[in-house]
Protein backbone atom coordinates (compact mmCIF):
# COMPACT_ATOMS: atom_id res chain seq x y z
CA MET A 1 335.44 214.49 152.57
CA ASP A 2 331.88 214.05 151.02
CA ARG A 3 331.32 215.35 147.50
CA VAL A 4 327.94 217.24 147.15
CA ASN A 5 326.16 217.49 144.41
CA ALA A 6 328.54 215.29 142.27
CA THR A 7 327.79 213.36 139.81
CA THR A 8 329.49 209.54 139.93
CA PRO A 9 328.85 206.62 142.21
CA SER A 10 330.34 206.60 145.69
CA ALA A 11 331.48 203.61 148.15
CA SER A 12 328.95 201.33 149.79
CA SER A 13 328.05 201.98 153.19
CA ALA A 14 330.34 199.15 154.33
CA ASP A 15 333.03 200.96 153.11
CA ASP A 16 332.18 204.14 154.17
CA PRO A 17 333.15 205.93 158.19
CA ALA A 18 331.51 209.10 157.61
CA ARG A 19 327.71 207.17 156.78
CA ALA A 20 327.85 204.51 159.73
CA ALA A 21 329.06 207.92 162.27
CA PHE A 22 325.86 209.30 160.91
CA ALA A 23 323.62 206.34 161.49
CA ALA A 24 324.81 206.48 165.06
CA LEU A 25 324.07 209.98 165.82
CA ARG A 26 320.31 208.85 164.82
CA THR A 27 320.21 206.68 167.65
CA PRO A 28 318.47 207.65 170.86
CA GLU A 29 322.11 207.78 172.23
CA GLY A 30 323.17 210.21 169.52
CA ALA A 31 320.65 211.75 169.69
CA GLN A 32 321.32 212.23 173.63
CA LEU A 33 324.35 212.98 173.08
CA LEU A 34 323.47 215.99 170.22
CA ALA A 35 320.74 217.16 172.95
CA GLU A 36 323.50 217.69 175.60
CA LEU A 37 326.01 219.48 172.79
CA ARG A 38 323.29 221.78 171.69
CA ASP A 39 325.25 225.03 173.55
CA HIS A 40 328.25 223.35 173.95
CA ASP A 41 331.87 225.81 173.61
CA PRO A 42 334.38 225.06 171.06
CA ALA A 43 337.23 226.18 173.43
CA ASP A 44 335.76 223.52 175.65
CA GLU A 45 336.11 220.55 173.02
CA LEU A 46 338.90 218.81 174.73
CA ALA A 47 337.84 218.58 178.15
CA THR A 48 333.86 217.80 176.47
CA ALA A 49 335.50 214.78 174.33
CA THR A 50 337.84 213.47 177.63
CA ARG A 51 334.34 213.59 179.62
CA LEU A 52 332.01 212.04 176.83
CA ARG A 53 334.09 209.41 175.80
CA ARG A 54 333.64 208.14 179.88
CA THR A 55 330.45 206.79 179.38
CA HIS A 56 330.34 207.09 175.27
CA PRO A 57 331.74 204.88 172.38
CA ALA A 58 335.06 207.18 171.03
CA GLU A 59 333.88 207.11 167.30
CA LEU A 60 329.87 208.42 168.56
CA VAL A 61 331.49 211.22 170.62
CA SER A 62 333.80 212.45 167.45
CA ALA A 63 330.69 212.29 165.35
CA ALA A 64 328.41 214.07 167.73
CA LEU A 65 330.93 216.99 168.10
CA GLY A 66 331.13 217.60 164.69
CA GLN A 67 328.00 217.46 164.37
CA ALA A 68 327.45 219.87 166.75
CA ARG A 69 329.97 221.97 165.89
CA LEU A 70 327.55 222.24 161.94
CA ARG A 71 324.68 222.47 163.96
CA GLN A 72 326.03 226.08 165.66
CA ARG A 73 327.47 227.11 161.92
CA ALA A 74 324.70 226.71 160.21
CA VAL A 75 322.32 229.01 163.01
CA ALA A 76 323.23 231.35 160.57
CA LYS A 77 321.56 229.95 157.64
CA PHE A 78 318.60 227.82 158.89
CA GLY A 79 318.12 229.55 162.50
CA ALA A 80 318.37 228.57 165.43
CA GLU A 81 314.64 226.28 165.86
CA ASP A 82 315.64 224.45 162.51
CA ALA A 83 319.83 224.04 162.53
CA TYR A 84 319.69 222.57 165.81
CA ARG A 85 316.86 219.81 165.24
CA MET A 86 319.08 219.13 160.92
CA TYR A 87 322.17 217.26 160.17
CA PHE A 88 324.48 218.77 157.84
CA THR A 89 327.37 217.82 156.48
CA PRO A 90 330.85 220.20 156.00
CA ASN A 91 330.23 220.91 153.00
CA GLY A 92 326.31 220.99 152.51
CA VAL A 93 326.64 223.80 155.81
CA GLU A 94 328.56 225.60 152.98
CA GLN A 95 326.98 224.87 149.57
CA ALA A 96 322.89 224.89 151.26
CA THR A 97 320.84 228.41 150.66
CA ARG A 98 319.85 230.20 153.48
CA THR A 99 316.45 229.91 154.72
CA SER A 100 315.51 233.56 153.34
CA VAL A 101 316.82 233.47 150.06
CA ALA A 102 315.70 229.82 149.69
CA ALA A 103 311.98 230.78 150.54
CA HIS A 104 311.66 233.53 148.29
CA ARG A 105 312.53 231.28 144.91
CA ALA A 106 310.36 228.63 146.90
CA ALA A 107 307.42 231.30 146.76
CA ARG A 108 308.11 232.81 142.95
CA PHE A 109 307.27 229.65 141.91
CA ALA A 110 304.04 228.44 144.43
CA GLY A 111 302.93 232.24 142.81
CA LEU A 112 303.09 230.87 139.46
CA GLY A 113 301.07 227.59 141.22
CA VAL A 114 304.39 225.18 140.48
CA ARG A 115 302.82 222.53 142.76
CA SER A 116 305.85 220.02 142.16
CA VAL A 117 309.41 220.79 141.83
CA ALA A 118 312.88 218.17 140.48
CA ASP A 119 315.23 219.62 142.53
CA LEU A 120 318.97 218.20 141.51
CA CYS A 121 321.22 218.38 143.33
CA CYS A 122 319.98 218.64 146.32
CA GLY A 123 322.94 218.68 149.39
CA ILE A 124 321.80 218.38 152.63
CA GLY A 125 318.29 219.81 150.80
CA GLY A 126 317.40 223.76 152.52
CA ASP A 127 316.26 224.47 148.89
CA ALA A 128 313.51 221.48 149.28
CA ILE A 129 312.78 222.04 152.86
CA ALA A 130 311.60 225.66 151.38
CA LEU A 131 310.05 224.93 148.80
CA ALA A 132 307.84 221.78 150.41
CA ARG A 133 307.00 224.46 153.32
CA ALA A 134 305.41 226.43 150.15
CA GLY A 135 303.56 223.61 149.47
CA ILE A 136 304.86 222.31 147.12
CA SER A 137 306.37 218.14 146.10
CA VAL A 138 309.56 217.18 145.78
CA LEU A 139 312.19 215.52 144.32
CA ALA A 140 315.38 216.11 145.98
CA VAL A 141 318.01 214.10 144.01
CA ASP A 142 321.95 214.32 145.41
CA ARG A 143 324.08 211.34 143.38
CA ASP A 144 326.49 210.81 147.40
CA PRO A 145 324.83 208.66 149.70
CA LEU A 146 325.33 209.91 152.78
CA THR A 147 324.33 213.54 151.08
CA ALA A 148 321.26 212.03 150.67
CA GLU A 149 320.82 209.97 153.82
CA VAL A 150 321.25 213.74 156.09
CA ALA A 151 318.70 215.52 153.70
CA ARG A 152 315.99 212.26 153.94
CA ALA A 153 316.71 212.82 157.82
CA ASN A 154 316.24 216.28 157.76
CA ALA A 155 313.06 216.30 155.98
CA GLN A 156 311.71 213.77 158.90
CA ALA A 157 313.16 215.59 161.13
CA LEU A 158 311.38 218.55 160.49
CA GLY A 159 307.80 217.00 159.14
CA LEU A 160 307.85 217.51 155.35
CA ALA A 161 309.08 213.81 155.04
CA ASP A 162 305.34 213.55 153.28
CA LEU A 163 306.34 216.11 151.03
CA ILE A 164 309.99 215.19 150.42
CA GLU A 165 310.88 212.39 148.00
CA VAL A 166 315.32 211.75 148.31
CA ARG A 167 316.80 209.57 145.94
CA CYS A 168 319.70 208.82 145.79
CA ALA A 169 320.94 208.65 142.47
CA ASP A 170 323.23 210.62 139.61
CA VAL A 171 321.01 213.82 138.57
CA THR A 172 321.87 213.18 135.04
CA GLU A 173 319.76 209.93 134.86
CA ILE A 174 316.39 211.48 136.32
CA ASP A 175 313.55 211.88 134.10
CA THR A 176 311.69 215.50 135.22
CA ALA A 177 308.95 215.67 132.63
CA PRO A 178 306.22 214.34 135.13
CA TYR A 179 307.06 217.77 137.26
CA ASP A 180 305.91 221.44 136.95
CA ALA A 181 309.07 223.00 137.33
CA VAL A 182 312.98 221.79 137.96
CA PHE A 183 315.71 223.35 139.97
CA VAL A 184 319.38 222.98 139.97
CA ASP A 185 322.01 223.54 142.20
CA PRO A 186 325.06 222.67 140.39
CA ALA A 187 328.46 222.08 142.69
CA ARG A 188 330.93 225.01 143.05
CA ARG A 189 333.35 224.03 145.06
CA GLY A 190 336.32 220.97 144.95
CA GLY A 191 338.92 219.86 146.17
CA ARG A 192 340.85 222.83 146.31
CA GLY A 193 338.11 225.39 146.80
CA ARG A 194 335.85 227.71 144.90
CA ILE A 195 334.90 226.60 141.26
CA PHE A 196 334.45 230.33 139.23
CA ASP A 197 334.52 228.53 135.16
CA PRO A 198 330.79 227.43 135.13
CA GLU A 199 331.96 224.51 132.91
CA ALA A 200 333.21 222.73 135.54
CA TYR A 201 330.65 222.58 137.87
CA SER A 202 329.16 219.53 139.00
CA PRO A 203 327.48 218.93 136.72
CA PRO A 204 328.30 221.61 133.97
CA LEU A 205 326.24 225.11 133.56
CA SER A 206 325.64 224.22 129.48
CA TRP A 207 324.06 220.81 131.40
CA ALA A 208 322.33 222.53 133.51
CA THR A 209 320.76 224.99 131.24
CA ALA A 210 319.59 222.09 128.92
CA ALA A 211 317.42 220.32 132.20
CA ALA A 212 316.48 223.77 132.73
CA LEU A 213 315.30 224.71 129.01
CA LYS A 214 313.18 221.11 128.91
CA ALA A 215 311.25 222.14 131.62
CA PRO A 216 307.87 223.93 131.79
CA ARG A 217 309.22 226.50 134.53
CA ALA A 218 313.02 226.23 135.84
CA ALA A 219 315.41 227.65 138.82
CA LEU A 220 319.04 227.59 137.62
CA LYS A 221 321.44 228.27 141.28
CA ILE A 222 324.42 229.92 140.25
CA ALA A 223 327.78 232.12 141.28
CA PRO A 224 326.80 235.62 141.66
CA GLY A 225 330.52 236.00 139.92
CA ILE A 226 329.36 234.44 136.75
CA PRO A 227 330.36 236.83 133.51
CA HIS A 228 327.24 237.98 131.99
CA GLU A 229 328.56 237.01 129.11
CA ALA A 230 327.66 233.26 130.25
CA ILE A 231 323.90 233.80 131.29
CA GLY A 232 322.08 232.92 127.63
CA PRO A 233 319.28 235.11 126.07
CA GLU A 234 316.85 232.40 127.54
CA ALA A 235 316.86 233.14 131.51
CA GLU A 236 316.29 235.80 132.98
CA ALA A 237 318.59 236.65 136.14
CA GLU A 238 318.46 237.58 139.36
CA TRP A 239 321.02 238.14 142.03
CA ILE A 240 319.59 238.24 145.28
CA SER A 241 321.15 239.69 148.78
CA ASP A 242 319.92 239.43 152.49
CA GLY A 243 320.76 242.05 155.15
CA GLY A 244 323.17 243.88 151.74
CA ASP A 245 325.31 240.37 151.04
CA VAL A 246 325.22 239.07 147.95
CA LYS A 247 324.35 236.01 148.38
CA GLU A 248 323.63 233.57 144.89
CA ALA A 249 322.11 234.53 141.78
CA VAL A 250 319.24 232.34 140.01
CA LEU A 251 318.61 231.74 136.86
CA TRP A 252 314.91 231.30 135.96
CA TYR A 253 313.43 230.33 132.46
CA GLY A 254 310.17 229.25 131.24
CA GLU A 255 306.80 230.86 131.72
CA GLY A 256 306.22 233.94 133.72
CA PHE A 257 309.40 234.31 133.88
CA ALA A 258 311.66 237.99 131.76
CA PRO A 259 314.07 236.35 128.85
CA GLY A 260 316.60 238.21 128.62
CA ALA A 261 315.19 240.93 131.79
CA PHE A 262 318.11 241.40 135.14
CA ARG A 263 316.91 241.84 138.25
CA ALA A 264 317.88 242.66 142.15
CA THR A 265 316.34 241.36 144.91
CA LEU A 266 317.08 242.55 148.62
CA LEU A 267 315.81 240.97 151.49
CA PRO A 268 314.67 240.61 154.10
CA SER A 269 312.33 243.66 152.51
CA GLY A 270 311.42 241.76 148.72
CA ALA A 271 312.18 244.95 147.15
CA THR A 272 313.47 244.04 143.65
CA LEU A 273 315.00 245.83 141.00
CA SER A 274 314.43 244.86 137.33
CA ALA A 275 315.17 245.92 133.53
CA PRO A 276 314.64 244.46 129.82
CA ALA A 277 317.93 244.95 129.18
CA PRO A 278 320.99 247.19 130.47
CA LEU A 279 321.16 250.76 130.08
CA PRO A 280 324.13 252.36 128.88
CA ALA A 281 326.58 253.80 130.43
CA PRO A 282 325.59 256.54 132.32
CA PRO A 283 327.39 259.95 133.00
CA VAL A 284 330.16 261.20 134.89
CA GLY A 285 329.97 264.17 137.38
CA PRO A 286 331.15 266.06 140.05
CA VAL A 287 330.73 264.87 143.70
CA GLY A 288 327.17 266.35 144.72
CA ARG A 289 326.04 267.13 148.31
CA TYR A 290 324.87 262.92 148.53
CA LEU A 291 326.48 260.05 147.46
CA TYR A 292 324.89 256.79 147.31
CA GLU A 293 325.94 253.39 147.78
CA PRO A 294 324.14 250.75 145.83
CA ASP A 295 322.97 247.48 147.10
CA GLY A 296 325.49 244.45 145.92
CA ALA A 297 322.76 242.88 143.96
CA VAL A 298 322.23 245.96 141.82
CA ILE A 299 325.82 246.23 141.38
CA ARG A 300 326.43 242.39 140.41
CA ALA A 301 322.83 243.07 138.17
CA HIS A 302 324.29 246.09 136.25
CA LEU A 303 321.43 247.94 137.44
CA VAL A 304 323.44 251.03 138.55
CA ALA A 305 322.77 253.19 135.26
CA ASP A 306 318.61 252.51 136.62
CA LEU A 307 319.70 254.33 139.37
CA VAL A 308 321.34 257.00 138.44
CA GLU A 309 318.37 257.68 136.27
CA ARG A 310 315.77 257.68 138.80
CA CYS A 311 317.53 259.50 141.16
CA GLY A 312 318.53 262.45 138.07
CA GLY A 313 322.39 261.81 139.39
CA ARG A 314 325.78 261.22 138.29
CA LEU A 315 329.00 258.05 139.04
CA VAL A 316 331.92 260.05 140.47
CA ASP A 317 333.56 257.71 138.32
CA GLU A 318 332.80 255.67 135.28
CA THR A 319 334.63 252.62 136.81
CA ILE A 320 333.23 253.25 140.38
CA ALA A 321 329.42 251.92 141.54
CA TYR A 322 329.19 255.77 143.43
CA ILE A 323 326.24 258.06 142.58
CA THR A 324 326.15 261.02 143.56
CA SER A 325 323.60 264.25 143.08
CA ASP A 326 322.69 267.27 144.52
CA GLU A 327 319.42 266.65 145.91
CA PRO A 328 318.52 264.10 148.73
CA TYR A 329 316.97 260.37 147.22
CA SER A 330 315.25 257.25 149.01
CA SER A 331 315.19 254.65 147.97
CA PRO A 332 315.38 250.60 149.33
CA TYR A 333 318.27 249.83 146.98
CA VAL A 334 320.72 252.60 148.14
CA THR A 335 322.39 254.21 151.67
CA GLY A 336 322.95 257.70 150.98
CA TYR A 337 325.28 260.00 152.92
CA GLU A 338 325.79 263.92 153.33
CA ILE A 339 328.79 264.49 152.04
CA THR A 340 330.72 267.71 153.93
CA ASP A 341 334.43 267.07 152.33
CA GLU A 342 336.57 265.68 149.22
CA LEU A 343 339.95 265.45 149.28
CA PRO A 344 342.80 264.51 147.78
CA PHE A 345 343.77 261.30 149.06
CA SER A 346 346.56 261.49 152.09
CA MET A 347 346.42 260.33 155.04
CA LYS A 348 348.23 263.10 156.95
CA ARG A 349 345.33 265.72 155.89
CA LEU A 350 342.39 263.01 157.10
CA LYS A 351 344.23 262.36 160.33
CA ALA A 352 344.24 266.65 161.01
CA LEU A 353 340.47 266.76 159.54
CA LEU A 354 339.25 263.70 162.22
CA ARG A 355 341.73 265.18 165.31
CA GLU A 356 340.29 268.85 164.60
CA ARG A 357 336.82 267.40 164.27
CA ARG A 358 337.21 265.32 167.33
CA ILE A 359 335.51 262.04 165.79
CA GLY A 360 336.48 259.28 167.56
CA VAL A 361 334.41 256.12 165.60
CA LEU A 362 335.00 256.30 161.56
CA THR A 363 333.92 253.88 159.38
CA VAL A 364 335.34 253.02 156.10
CA LYS A 365 334.51 252.40 152.96
CA LYS A 366 336.03 251.70 150.19
CA ARG A 367 335.84 251.51 146.33
CA GLY A 368 339.14 251.65 143.59
CA SER A 369 341.54 251.97 146.78
CA ALA A 370 344.21 249.31 147.88
CA VAL A 371 344.11 250.96 151.07
CA GLU A 372 343.14 248.02 154.06
CA PRO A 373 340.14 250.24 156.18
CA GLU A 374 342.02 248.30 159.60
CA GLU A 375 345.37 249.93 159.02
CA LEU A 376 343.64 253.18 158.25
CA ARG A 377 342.12 253.21 161.48
CA ARG A 378 345.06 252.45 162.54
CA ARG A 379 347.07 255.10 162.03
CA MET A 380 344.33 258.05 162.28
CA LYS A 381 344.67 257.02 166.06
CA LEU A 382 340.81 258.09 166.64
CA SER A 383 339.51 260.01 169.98
CA GLY A 384 336.22 261.88 170.12
CA PRO A 385 332.68 262.01 170.56
CA GLY A 386 332.00 262.16 166.54
CA SER A 387 331.60 260.23 164.40
CA ALA A 388 332.17 260.65 160.28
CA THR A 389 332.15 258.12 157.11
CA VAL A 390 335.19 258.00 154.75
CA PHE A 391 334.63 256.89 151.31
CA LEU A 392 338.40 255.94 149.49
CA THR A 393 337.63 255.99 146.20
CA ARG A 394 338.52 257.42 143.01
CA VAL A 395 337.02 260.79 141.11
CA ALA A 396 337.19 261.54 137.50
CA GLY A 397 340.28 258.74 137.95
CA ALA A 398 341.73 260.54 140.93
CA PRO A 399 342.60 259.01 144.42
CA THR A 400 339.92 260.92 146.85
CA MET A 401 338.63 261.08 150.28
CA LEU A 402 335.16 262.16 150.72
CA ILE A 403 334.31 262.95 153.81
CA GLY A 404 330.05 262.71 155.20
CA HIS A 405 327.39 260.71 157.50
CA PRO A 406 324.62 258.04 156.68
CA LEU A 407 321.36 259.97 155.67
CA GLY A 408 318.14 259.65 158.49
């Protein structure tokens, strides 16, 4: 398995079958195989492999099938037009920034006049590609030879080789002084899966922070679940969601950013909510006519209190990020619902209510409840033309069911 963004040298190409397989994919024969496999069904892989091995080397067929699977996975992050021209490694697909998020970050740099970036721990080049497309020249560095070769191939495949220099090196030995900005994306996966201790990142968060502070401007990509106490006062912290799903957090340093501020950015709209510091704990009170579910980036950025203040509402429970109010409130940072019923938690009562109202489609949302949505839907035995949303949560500490429907 390739080790993306690690910081120690790896095997030479003569001892690395993965690099030899990748080189074969870039031959005319390999390119032909990849084109043929673009739309293949993974369920038919055995039959496909058997057929292709009649006319191609077995090792090349295996490599092409593996790359075809990775390209299909990468479509969700990069879009079909780019994904089917690019190359990937298993870790590269997993760790690469999706195009929308990388483009947002590149736009922030470009908007501040940044024209050159040292991309440390570049992986397969997702961020370098976005930076180059924003008109920024990039030094893309990764210590893993295969990963560096893949990044270089991607720059060439997308016509960006003139703006992206790929270097296989230890990121800790790179002189970033000639560059306007630094971007660091430490590896957050190891042999046992996700790494939650920032000091166990590769390289560690402390090294990445020190590298960022040396640059005129810098961005440091981190896991969205990072504890707020691990974020230094020099950074502006931004949590980014795309289509309602929180994708990552980034720490910004230097000129043009707001040290100590927290920010939530929603893509694709680009709506941004920010605050110089967290507000005091918001008020808690009874459920009103309306319920609001904050975007996950707002919750991660600890900006729920700001929304409570904006809408003149309150929380339903001091530990639950559901906002309620007596008047309707419209905001890109929340999804709103009109609540028709508030009941103590009871499967029996919920089933009777849904049957009475002929609810056949039920959306189940939960916070502070151990009930699994699919299990609840199964037990309700839904039937009828109506639809509803049920929230399984706590209100003033008590297990509660809130039934309603989306606003608008």
